[in-house]
Amino acid sequence: DPVKEKDDPVKEFLNHTSWIPFKDLRDIKKIGKGGFSTVYSAKWIDKY
């Protein structure tokens, strides 16, 4: 059912994401830490 597929947030997320190899990242910085995770920012070389 096309309507259900479009409304599925997980499928929508997976359609717009891709794996970025660690070797393609530069300037990695920790920007936050909470009870369940640590958040980092980085520059993706050859892209952004």
N, C-alpha and C. Protein backbone atom coordinates (compact mmCIF):
# COMPACT_ATOMS: atom_id res chain seq x y z
N ASP A 1 0.85 -1.19 0.00
CA ASP A 1 0.00 0.00 0.00
C ASP A 1 0.89 1.25 0.00
N PRO A 2 0.88 2.04 -1.05
CA PRO A 2 1.75 3.22 -1.15
C PRO A 2 1.52 4.25 -0.05
N VAL A 3 0.28 4.37 0.43
CA VAL A 3 0.00 5.35 1.48
C VAL A 3 0.71 4.94 2.77
N LYS A 4 0.63 3.67 3.14
CA LYS A 4 1.29 3.19 4.35
C LYS A 4 2.80 3.34 4.26
N GLU A 5 3.38 3.03 3.10
CA GLU A 5 4.82 3.15 2.94
C GLU A 5 5.28 4.59 3.12
N LYS A 6 4.53 5.53 2.58
CA LYS A 6 4.91 6.94 2.69
C LYS A 6 4.78 7.44 4.12
N ASP A 7 3.84 6.92 4.87
CA ASP A 7 3.60 7.37 6.24
C ASP A 7 4.49 6.68 7.27
N ASP A 8 5.26 5.68 6.85
CA ASP A 8 6.12 4.95 7.79
C ASP A 8 7.39 5.77 8.03
N PRO A 9 7.55 6.37 9.22
CA PRO A 9 8.71 7.24 9.47
C PRO A 9 10.05 6.51 9.41
N VAL A 10 10.08 5.24 9.77
CA VAL A 10 11.34 4.50 9.73
C VAL A 10 11.78 4.30 8.28
N LYS A 11 10.87 3.87 7.43
CA LYS A 11 11.21 3.68 6.01
C LYS A 11 11.61 5.01 5.38
N GLU A 12 10.90 6.07 5.73
CA GLU A 12 11.21 7.40 5.20
C GLU A 12 12.62 7.83 5.63
N PHE A 13 12.96 7.58 6.88
CA PHE A 13 14.30 7.91 7.39
C PHE A 13 15.38 7.12 6.66
N LEU A 14 15.17 5.81 6.51
CA LEU A 14 16.16 4.96 5.87
C LEU A 14 16.35 5.30 4.40
N ASN A 15 15.31 5.80 3.75
CA ASN A 15 15.42 6.19 2.34
C ASN A 15 16.28 7.43 2.16
N HIS A 16 16.49 8.22 3.21
CA HIS A 16 17.20 9.49 3.08
C HIS A 16 18.51 9.51 3.86
N THR A 17 18.97 8.36 4.30
CA THR A 17 20.23 8.31 5.05
C THR A 17 21.21 7.37 4.36
N SER A 18 22.47 7.54 4.65
CA SER A 18 23.48 6.63 4.13
C SER A 18 24.61 6.52 5.15
N TRP A 19 25.33 5.42 5.08
CA TRP A 19 26.44 5.19 5.98
C TRP A 19 27.63 6.01 5.52
N ILE A 20 28.27 6.72 6.44
CA ILE A 20 29.46 7.49 6.14
C ILE A 20 30.63 6.82 6.85
N PRO A 21 31.60 6.29 6.12
CA PRO A 21 32.75 5.65 6.77
C PRO A 21 33.52 6.64 7.65
N PHE A 22 33.98 6.16 8.79
CA PHE A 22 34.71 7.01 9.73
C PHE A 22 35.90 7.70 9.07
N LYS A 23 36.56 7.00 8.14
CA LYS A 23 37.74 7.56 7.47
C LYS A 23 37.40 8.79 6.63
N ASP A 24 36.12 9.00 6.31
CA ASP A 24 35.69 10.16 5.53
C ASP A 24 35.31 11.36 6.39
N LEU A 25 35.51 11.26 7.70
CA LEU A 25 35.15 12.35 8.62
C LEU A 25 36.40 13.03 9.15
N ARG A 26 36.30 14.35 9.33
CA ARG A 26 37.40 15.14 9.89
C ARG A 26 36.85 16.12 10.91
N ASP A 27 37.71 16.66 11.74
CA ASP A 27 37.34 17.66 12.75
C ASP A 27 36.20 17.16 13.65
N ILE A 28 36.36 15.96 14.18
CA ILE A 28 35.33 15.35 15.02
C ILE A 28 35.37 16.00 16.40
N LYS A 29 34.20 16.48 16.86
CA LYS A 29 34.11 17.16 18.16
C LYS A 29 32.90 16.64 18.93
N LYS A 30 33.11 16.40 20.23
CA LYS A 30 31.99 16.02 21.08
C LYS A 30 31.20 17.29 21.40
N ILE A 31 29.88 17.27 21.13
CA ILE A 31 29.08 18.47 21.36
C ILE A 31 28.04 18.28 22.46
N GLY A 32 27.87 17.05 22.95
CA GLY A 32 26.91 16.84 24.02
C GLY A 32 26.97 15.42 24.55
N LYS A 33 26.50 15.27 25.79
CA LYS A 33 26.48 13.95 26.42
C LYS A 33 25.28 13.89 27.34
N GLY A 34 24.55 12.78 27.26
CA GLY A 34 23.39 12.60 28.11
C GLY A 34 23.42 11.23 28.76
N GLY A 35 22.32 10.83 29.31
CA GLY A 35 22.25 9.55 30.00
C GLY A 35 22.33 8.35 29.09
N PHE A 36 21.97 8.52 27.81
CA PHE A 36 21.91 7.38 26.91
C PHE A 36 22.86 7.47 25.72
N SER A 37 23.46 8.64 25.50
CA SER A 37 24.31 8.76 24.31
C SER A 37 25.27 9.93 24.41
N THR A 38 26.21 9.93 23.50
CA THR A 38 27.12 11.06 23.31
C THR A 38 26.94 11.52 21.87
N VAL A 39 26.88 12.83 21.65
CA VAL A 39 26.64 13.39 20.32
C VAL A 39 27.92 14.07 19.83
N TYR A 40 28.26 13.79 18.59
CA TYR A 40 29.44 14.37 17.98
C TYR A 40 29.06 15.12 16.71
N SER A 41 29.89 16.08 16.33
CA SER A 41 29.77 16.71 15.02
C SER A 41 31.08 16.47 14.28
N ALA A 42 31.02 16.49 12.95
CA ALA A 42 32.22 16.27 12.14
C ALA A 42 32.00 16.86 10.76
N LYS A 43 33.09 17.05 10.06
CA LYS A 43 33.03 17.49 8.67
C LYS A 43 33.22 16.26 7.79
N TRP A 44 32.39 16.15 6.78
CA TRP A 44 32.43 15.04 5.84
C TRP A 44 33.29 15.47 4.67
N ILE A 45 34.51 14.92 4.58
CA ILE A 45 35.41 15.34 3.52
C ILE A 45 34.86 14.87 2.17
N ASP A 46 35.11 15.64 1.15
CA ASP A 46 34.63 15.40 -0.22
C ASP A 46 33.14 15.61 -0.38
N LYS A 47 32.44 16.07 0.64
CA LYS A 47 31.01 16.33 0.52
C LYS A 47 30.68 17.72 1.05
N TYR A 48 30.76 17.89 2.38
CA TYR A 48 30.33 19.17 2.96
C TYR A 48 31.43 19.77 3.79
